[in-house]
Structures are given as structure tokens and as C-alpha cells.
N, C-alpha and C. Protein backbone atom coordinates (compact mmCIF):
# COMPACT_ATOMS: atom_id res chain seq x y z
N MET A 1 106.09 99.64 168.68
CA MET A 1 105.85 99.97 170.06
C MET A 1 105.64 98.67 170.83
N LYS A 2 106.33 98.57 171.94
CA LYS A 2 106.19 97.39 172.78
C LYS A 2 105.57 97.81 174.11
N ILE A 3 104.43 97.20 174.41
CA ILE A 3 103.76 97.42 175.69
C ILE A 3 103.63 96.07 176.36
N ASN A 4 104.25 95.94 177.52
CA ASN A 4 104.25 94.68 178.25
C ASN A 4 103.73 94.91 179.65
N TYR A 5 103.07 93.89 180.18
CA TYR A 5 102.62 93.91 181.57
C TYR A 5 103.58 93.09 182.41
N ASN A 6 104.16 93.72 183.42
CA ASN A 6 105.08 93.06 184.33
C ASN A 6 104.30 92.67 185.58
N GLU A 7 104.07 91.37 185.74
CA GLU A 7 103.27 90.89 186.87
C GLU A 7 103.98 91.02 188.21
N LEU A 8 105.31 90.95 188.21
CA LEU A 8 106.06 91.06 189.46
C LEU A 8 105.94 92.46 190.07
N ASP A 9 106.12 93.48 189.22
CA ASP A 9 106.05 94.87 189.68
C ASP A 9 104.64 95.44 189.60
N LYS A 10 103.74 94.72 188.94
CA LYS A 10 102.38 95.20 188.65
C LYS A 10 102.46 96.56 187.97
N SER A 11 103.14 96.56 186.82
CA SER A 11 103.33 97.79 186.06
C SER A 11 103.28 97.50 184.57
N ILE A 12 103.06 98.56 183.82
CA ILE A 12 103.05 98.52 182.37
C ILE A 12 104.38 99.10 181.89
N GLU A 13 105.06 98.40 181.01
CA GLU A 13 106.33 98.87 180.44
C GLU A 13 106.10 99.24 178.99
N ILE A 14 106.44 100.49 178.65
CA ILE A 14 106.26 101.01 177.30
C ILE A 14 107.63 101.40 176.75
N LYS A 15 107.97 100.84 175.60
CA LYS A 15 109.25 101.17 174.97
C LYS A 15 108.97 101.80 173.61
N ASP A 16 109.04 103.14 173.57
CA ASP A 16 108.77 103.84 172.32
C ASP A 16 109.65 105.06 172.08
N GLY A 17 110.55 105.40 172.99
CA GLY A 17 111.48 106.51 172.78
C GLY A 17 110.85 107.88 172.95
N LEU A 18 109.72 107.97 173.64
CA LEU A 18 109.03 109.24 173.82
C LEU A 18 109.81 110.18 174.74
N LYS A 19 110.55 109.62 175.68
CA LYS A 19 111.30 110.44 176.64
C LYS A 19 112.35 111.30 175.93
N SER A 20 113.07 110.72 174.99
CA SER A 20 114.10 111.50 174.27
C SER A 20 113.45 112.53 173.34
N HIS A 21 112.32 112.18 172.75
CA HIS A 21 111.61 113.13 171.88
C HIS A 21 111.13 114.34 172.68
N TYR A 22 110.54 114.11 173.84
CA TYR A 22 110.07 115.21 174.68
C TYR A 22 111.22 116.03 175.23
N PHE A 23 112.37 115.38 175.53
CA PHE A 23 113.54 116.11 176.00
C PHE A 23 114.01 117.10 174.93
N ILE A 24 114.07 116.65 173.69
CA ILE A 24 114.48 117.53 172.59
C ILE A 24 113.50 118.68 172.43
N MET A 25 112.20 118.39 172.53
CA MET A 25 111.19 119.45 172.40
C MET A 25 111.32 120.47 173.54
N LYS A 26 111.57 120.02 174.75
CA LYS A 26 111.74 120.93 175.88
C LYS A 26 112.97 121.81 175.67
N MET A 27 114.06 121.22 175.20
CA MET A 27 115.28 122.00 174.95
C MET A 27 115.05 123.06 173.87
N LEU A 28 114.32 122.69 172.83
CA LEU A 28 114.02 123.66 171.77
C LEU A 28 113.17 124.81 172.28
N MET A 29 112.22 124.52 173.16
CA MET A 29 111.39 125.58 173.73
C MET A 29 112.22 126.49 174.63
N ILE A 30 113.13 125.90 175.40
CA ILE A 30 114.01 126.71 176.27
C ILE A 30 114.92 127.59 175.42
N LEU A 31 115.47 127.04 174.34
CA LEU A 31 116.32 127.84 173.45
C LEU A 31 115.54 128.98 172.80
N THR A 32 114.30 128.72 172.42
CA THR A 32 113.48 129.77 171.82
C THR A 32 113.16 130.86 172.83
N ILE A 33 112.89 130.47 174.07
CA ILE A 33 112.63 131.47 175.12
C ILE A 33 113.87 132.31 175.38
N LEU A 34 115.04 131.67 175.47
CA LEU A 34 116.29 132.41 175.66
C LEU A 34 116.58 133.36 174.50
N ASN A 35 116.33 132.89 173.29
CA ASN A 35 116.52 133.73 172.11
C ASN A 35 115.58 134.93 172.13
N ALA A 36 114.33 134.71 172.55
CA ALA A 36 113.38 135.81 172.64
C ALA A 36 113.82 136.83 173.70
N ILE A 37 114.32 136.33 174.82
CA ILE A 37 114.79 137.23 175.88
C ILE A 37 115.97 138.06 175.40
N LEU A 38 116.91 137.42 174.71
CA LEU A 38 118.08 138.15 174.20
C LEU A 38 117.68 139.19 173.15
N ASN A 39 116.71 138.86 172.33
CA ASN A 39 116.27 139.82 171.31
C ASN A 39 115.43 140.96 171.90
N LEU A 40 114.82 140.73 173.05
CA LEU A 40 114.00 141.77 173.68
C LEU A 40 114.73 142.49 174.80
N TYR A 41 115.99 142.18 175.00
CA TYR A 41 116.75 142.72 176.13
C TYR A 41 116.84 144.25 176.11
N ASP A 42 117.12 144.84 174.99
CA ASP A 42 117.29 146.30 174.92
C ASP A 42 116.13 147.00 174.22
N VAL A 43 114.92 146.60 174.55
CA VAL A 43 113.73 147.24 173.96
C VAL A 43 113.57 148.66 174.49
N LYS A 44 114.04 148.93 175.71
CA LYS A 44 113.91 150.28 176.28
C LYS A 44 114.72 151.29 175.46
N LYS A 45 115.87 150.86 174.94
CA LYS A 45 116.73 151.76 174.16
C LYS A 45 116.16 151.97 172.76
N ASN A 46 115.66 150.90 172.18
CA ASN A 46 115.11 150.98 170.83
C ASN A 46 113.59 151.04 170.89
N GLU A 47 113.01 151.30 169.74
CA GLU A 47 111.55 151.31 169.68
C GLU A 47 111.02 149.88 169.63
N LEU A 48 109.76 149.75 169.98
CA LEU A 48 109.09 148.46 169.90
C LEU A 48 108.61 148.29 168.46
N GLY A 49 109.35 147.49 167.69
CA GLY A 49 109.05 147.31 166.28
C GLY A 49 108.39 145.97 165.99
N PHE A 50 108.29 145.68 164.72
CA PHE A 50 107.63 144.45 164.27
C PHE A 50 108.37 143.20 164.76
N MET A 51 109.70 143.21 164.65
CA MET A 51 110.49 142.04 165.06
C MET A 51 110.41 141.81 166.57
N GLU A 52 110.34 142.85 167.34
CA GLU A 52 110.23 142.71 168.79
C GLU A 52 108.87 142.08 169.17
N ILE A 53 107.83 142.49 168.46
CA ILE A 53 106.50 141.91 168.71
C ILE A 53 106.50 140.43 168.35
N ILE A 54 107.13 140.08 167.22
CA ILE A 54 107.22 138.68 166.80
C ILE A 54 107.98 137.86 167.85
N TRP A 55 109.11 138.38 168.34
CA TRP A 55 109.90 137.65 169.35
C TRP A 55 109.13 137.52 170.66
N PHE A 56 108.35 138.54 171.03
CA PHE A 56 107.54 138.48 172.24
C PHE A 56 106.48 137.38 172.11
N ILE A 57 105.82 137.31 170.96
CA ILE A 57 104.79 136.28 170.72
C ILE A 57 105.43 134.89 170.71
N LEU A 58 106.58 134.74 170.04
CA LEU A 58 107.28 133.44 170.03
C LEU A 58 107.69 133.00 171.44
N GLY A 59 108.17 133.95 172.24
CA GLY A 59 108.56 133.63 173.61
C GLY A 59 107.38 133.18 174.46
N ILE A 60 106.25 133.86 174.32
CA ILE A 60 105.05 133.49 175.08
C ILE A 60 104.53 132.12 174.64
N ILE A 61 104.49 131.87 173.35
CA ILE A 61 104.03 130.57 172.83
C ILE A 61 104.96 129.45 173.31
N SER A 62 106.26 129.67 173.27
CA SER A 62 107.23 128.67 173.74
C SER A 62 107.07 128.41 175.23
N LEU A 63 106.80 129.46 175.99
CA LEU A 63 106.59 129.31 177.43
C LEU A 63 105.34 128.47 177.72
N ILE A 64 104.27 128.69 176.97
CA ILE A 64 103.04 127.92 177.14
C ILE A 64 103.27 126.46 176.77
N ILE A 65 103.95 126.21 175.67
CA ILE A 65 104.22 124.83 175.24
C ILE A 65 105.13 124.12 176.24
N LEU A 66 106.13 124.82 176.76
CA LEU A 66 107.02 124.23 177.75
C LEU A 66 106.25 123.87 179.02
N TYR A 67 105.36 124.75 179.46
CA TYR A 67 104.51 124.46 180.62
C TYR A 67 103.67 123.21 180.36
N PHE A 68 103.11 123.13 179.17
CA PHE A 68 102.28 121.99 178.78
C PHE A 68 103.08 120.68 178.83
N PHE A 69 104.30 120.69 178.32
CA PHE A 69 105.14 119.49 178.33
C PHE A 69 105.55 119.09 179.75
N ILE A 70 105.81 120.05 180.62
CA ILE A 70 106.27 119.75 181.97
C ILE A 70 105.11 119.33 182.88
N VAL A 71 103.98 120.03 182.80
CA VAL A 71 102.90 119.81 183.76
C VAL A 71 101.87 118.79 183.28
N LYS A 72 101.56 118.74 182.00
CA LYS A 72 100.46 117.92 181.52
C LYS A 72 100.86 116.61 180.84
N LYS A 73 102.11 116.47 180.46
CA LYS A 73 102.55 115.26 179.75
C LYS A 73 103.50 114.45 180.62
N SER A 74 103.46 113.13 180.43
CA SER A 74 104.34 112.23 181.16
C SER A 74 105.16 111.42 180.15
N THR A 75 106.37 111.08 180.56
CA THR A 75 107.24 110.26 179.70
C THR A 75 107.65 108.97 180.40
N LEU A 76 106.89 108.57 181.40
CA LEU A 76 107.22 107.35 182.14
C LEU A 76 107.25 106.15 181.20
N GLU A 77 108.27 105.34 181.36
CA GLU A 77 108.36 104.11 180.57
C GLU A 77 107.90 102.90 181.37
N LYS A 78 107.87 103.04 182.68
CA LYS A 78 107.39 101.98 183.56
C LYS A 78 106.33 102.60 184.47
N ILE A 79 105.07 102.30 184.17
CA ILE A 79 103.95 102.93 184.88
C ILE A 79 103.31 101.91 185.82
N PRO A 80 103.32 102.17 187.13
CA PRO A 80 102.63 101.26 188.05
C PRO A 80 101.12 101.27 187.79
N ILE A 81 100.49 100.13 187.98
CA ILE A 81 99.06 99.98 187.70
C ILE A 81 98.22 100.95 188.53
N GLU A 82 98.61 101.19 189.79
CA GLU A 82 97.82 102.07 190.64
C GLU A 82 97.85 103.53 190.19
N LYS A 83 98.81 103.90 189.34
CA LYS A 83 98.87 105.27 188.82
C LYS A 83 97.99 105.48 187.59
N ILE A 84 97.55 104.40 186.96
CA ILE A 84 96.78 104.50 185.71
C ILE A 84 95.30 104.69 186.03
N LYS A 85 94.72 105.71 185.42
CA LYS A 85 93.30 105.98 185.61
C LYS A 85 92.47 105.30 184.53
N ARG A 86 92.83 105.54 183.26
CA ARG A 86 92.11 104.93 182.14
C ARG A 86 92.88 105.07 180.84
N LEU A 87 92.36 104.42 179.83
CA LEU A 87 92.91 104.45 178.47
C LEU A 87 92.04 105.37 177.64
N ASN A 88 92.64 106.32 176.92
CA ASN A 88 91.89 107.29 176.13
C ASN A 88 92.10 107.10 174.64
N GLU A 89 91.06 107.41 173.89
CA GLU A 89 91.12 107.43 172.43
C GLU A 89 90.47 108.73 171.98
N LYS A 90 91.21 109.53 171.18
CA LYS A 90 90.70 110.82 170.73
C LYS A 90 90.92 110.93 169.22
N SER A 91 89.97 111.50 168.53
CA SER A 91 90.09 111.69 167.10
C SER A 91 90.30 113.17 166.80
N ILE A 92 91.42 113.47 166.11
CA ILE A 92 91.74 114.84 165.73
C ILE A 92 91.94 114.87 164.22
N PHE A 93 91.11 115.63 163.54
CA PHE A 93 91.15 115.74 162.08
C PHE A 93 91.08 114.36 161.41
N GLY A 94 90.27 113.47 161.95
CA GLY A 94 90.09 112.15 161.37
C GLY A 94 91.18 111.16 161.72
N ARG A 95 92.16 111.58 162.48
CA ARG A 95 93.25 110.69 162.88
C ARG A 95 93.11 110.38 164.37
N LYS A 96 93.17 109.12 164.71
CA LYS A 96 92.98 108.72 166.09
C LYS A 96 94.29 108.80 166.86
N ARG A 97 94.19 109.34 168.07
CA ARG A 97 95.32 109.45 168.99
C ARG A 97 94.99 108.69 170.25
N PHE A 98 95.96 107.97 170.77
CA PHE A 98 95.75 107.14 171.94
C PHE A 98 96.65 107.61 173.07
N SER A 99 96.14 107.54 174.31
CA SER A 99 96.93 107.94 175.46
C SER A 99 96.44 107.21 176.70
N ILE A 100 97.29 107.23 177.71
CA ILE A 100 96.97 106.67 179.01
C ILE A 100 96.84 107.85 179.96
N GLU A 101 95.69 107.95 180.63
CA GLU A 101 95.47 109.02 181.60
C GLU A 101 95.91 108.52 182.97
N LEU A 102 96.74 109.32 183.63
CA LEU A 102 97.27 108.94 184.94
C LEU A 102 96.48 109.63 186.05
N ASN A 103 96.59 109.12 187.26
CA ASN A 103 95.84 109.66 188.39
C ASN A 103 96.25 111.08 188.77
N ASP A 104 97.48 111.47 188.47
CA ASP A 104 97.94 112.82 188.83
C ASP A 104 97.56 113.88 187.79
N GLY A 105 96.74 113.51 186.81
CA GLY A 105 96.25 114.46 185.81
C GLY A 105 97.10 114.52 184.55
N LYS A 106 98.22 113.83 184.52
CA LYS A 106 99.07 113.82 183.34
C LYS A 106 98.60 112.76 182.36
N LYS A 107 99.05 112.92 181.12
CA LYS A 107 98.74 111.93 180.09
C LYS A 107 100.03 111.39 179.52
N ARG A 108 100.04 110.10 179.25
CA ARG A 108 101.17 109.43 178.61
C ARG A 108 100.72 109.08 177.20
N ASP A 109 101.25 109.81 176.22
CA ASP A 109 100.87 109.57 174.82
C ASP A 109 101.43 108.26 174.32
N LEU A 110 100.65 107.59 173.51
CA LEU A 110 101.08 106.36 172.84
C LEU A 110 101.23 106.70 171.36
N THR A 111 102.32 107.35 171.02
CA THR A 111 102.51 107.88 169.67
C THR A 111 102.76 106.82 168.62
N GLU A 112 103.34 105.71 169.02
CA GLU A 112 103.68 104.67 168.05
C GLU A 112 102.51 103.75 167.73
N MET A 113 101.41 103.88 168.46
CA MET A 113 100.25 103.03 168.22
C MET A 113 99.47 103.62 167.05
N LYS A 114 99.47 102.93 165.92
CA LYS A 114 98.89 103.48 164.71
C LYS A 114 97.53 102.89 164.33
N SER A 115 97.27 101.64 164.68
CA SER A 115 96.05 101.00 164.18
C SER A 115 95.06 100.73 165.31
N GLN A 116 93.82 100.56 164.90
CA GLN A 116 92.76 100.24 165.85
C GLN A 116 92.97 98.85 166.44
N ALA A 117 93.57 97.94 165.67
CA ALA A 117 93.81 96.58 166.16
C ALA A 117 94.77 96.60 167.35
N GLU A 118 95.83 97.41 167.27
CA GLU A 118 96.77 97.53 168.39
C GLU A 118 96.07 98.10 169.62
N PHE A 119 95.21 99.09 169.39
CA PHE A 119 94.47 99.70 170.50
C PHE A 119 93.52 98.69 171.14
N ASN A 120 92.84 97.89 170.32
CA ASN A 120 91.94 96.88 170.87
C ASN A 120 92.69 95.84 171.68
N GLU A 121 93.89 95.50 171.24
CA GLU A 121 94.74 94.56 171.97
C GLU A 121 95.14 95.15 173.34
N LEU A 122 95.49 96.43 173.34
CA LEU A 122 95.85 97.10 174.58
C LEU A 122 94.63 97.22 175.49
N ARG A 123 93.48 97.51 174.92
CA ARG A 123 92.24 97.61 175.69
C ARG A 123 91.93 96.27 176.36
N LYS A 124 92.14 95.18 175.63
CA LYS A 124 91.92 93.84 176.16
C LYS A 124 92.87 93.58 177.33
N LEU A 125 94.16 93.95 177.18
CA LEU A 125 95.14 93.80 178.25
C LEU A 125 94.73 94.60 179.48
N PHE A 126 94.28 95.83 179.28
CA PHE A 126 93.88 96.68 180.40
C PHE A 126 92.64 96.13 181.11
N SER A 127 91.71 95.58 180.37
CA SER A 127 90.51 95.02 181.01
C SER A 127 90.87 93.75 181.80
N GLU A 128 91.85 92.97 181.32
CA GLU A 128 92.31 91.80 182.07
C GLU A 128 92.97 92.20 183.38
N ILE A 129 93.70 93.32 183.35
CA ILE A 129 94.39 93.82 184.55
C ILE A 129 93.38 94.44 185.52
N GLY A 130 92.31 95.03 184.98
CA GLY A 130 91.31 95.66 185.82
C GLY A 130 91.30 97.17 185.75
N ILE A 131 91.77 97.73 184.64
CA ILE A 131 91.81 99.18 184.45
C ILE A 131 90.65 99.57 183.54
N LEU A 132 89.98 100.70 183.87
CA LEU A 132 88.86 101.18 183.06
C LEU A 132 89.32 101.57 181.67
N ASN A 133 88.44 101.38 180.70
CA ASN A 133 88.75 101.79 179.32
C ASN A 133 87.93 102.98 178.93
């Protein structure tokens, strides 16, 4: 993962391929929703069975995940400094996850950052720029 500070633009540049990963995830959620709609299309003619309930649950879960990806996550590769609120560190099941919280309420995940040393380096860069940690 490469995180650079561009002094000319006053922005952080992140190169980690997250945009393509999220695009694939969004497409998979859309395909699952379409598949659920097609499988539930003629429920009025047939009875509501086990498979229809499963497809309904899958469609609702995919819709929630798609909403989460569109509204709560960001894939910006060039983030202006004024958009950054703070740097976050969260521990889930003993594994640390790092993200950048933006002013509009979205989060930019730093998926390629694996070690605490990399995070401390980024924290040092953010404190030099003047962003809260």
C-alpha cells in the first residue's frame, strides 16, 4: 500500500486497488438482487415455499450490503486534506482494521495496511499535516 502526501494539492494519495474491489462487490450484490427478483417474480401463482423465503432473505441482505457500500464507504484514491476528519483504528476478533473517517460520514478503508508500524507511520504523517488521530 502506498500512501503519499501531495503538498501541491494538499491531498493524500492512496494506491491500493480498493475501487475495483468495491466495484466487483457492488456488481455481485446487484446480480444477487436481480436473481432474487427473478426467482420471486411469480410467487402469486405458486405457493410461498422454502426456496422463495431463502431468495427473499438473500435479496434483502444484498440490498442492505449494497446500501452500505454506496452510502457508508468511500473509494477515493485522492483525498483532499479538508475532507479528512480523523484516522481510525478498530479491533475486530483480535485483528486490527484501519480506516480514514471523512467529513461527509463515509469511511475509507485501508485494507492493505497490515502492521502497527505502518499505522504508526501514517499517524505520524497525519499529525505533521495537522489531522486528528
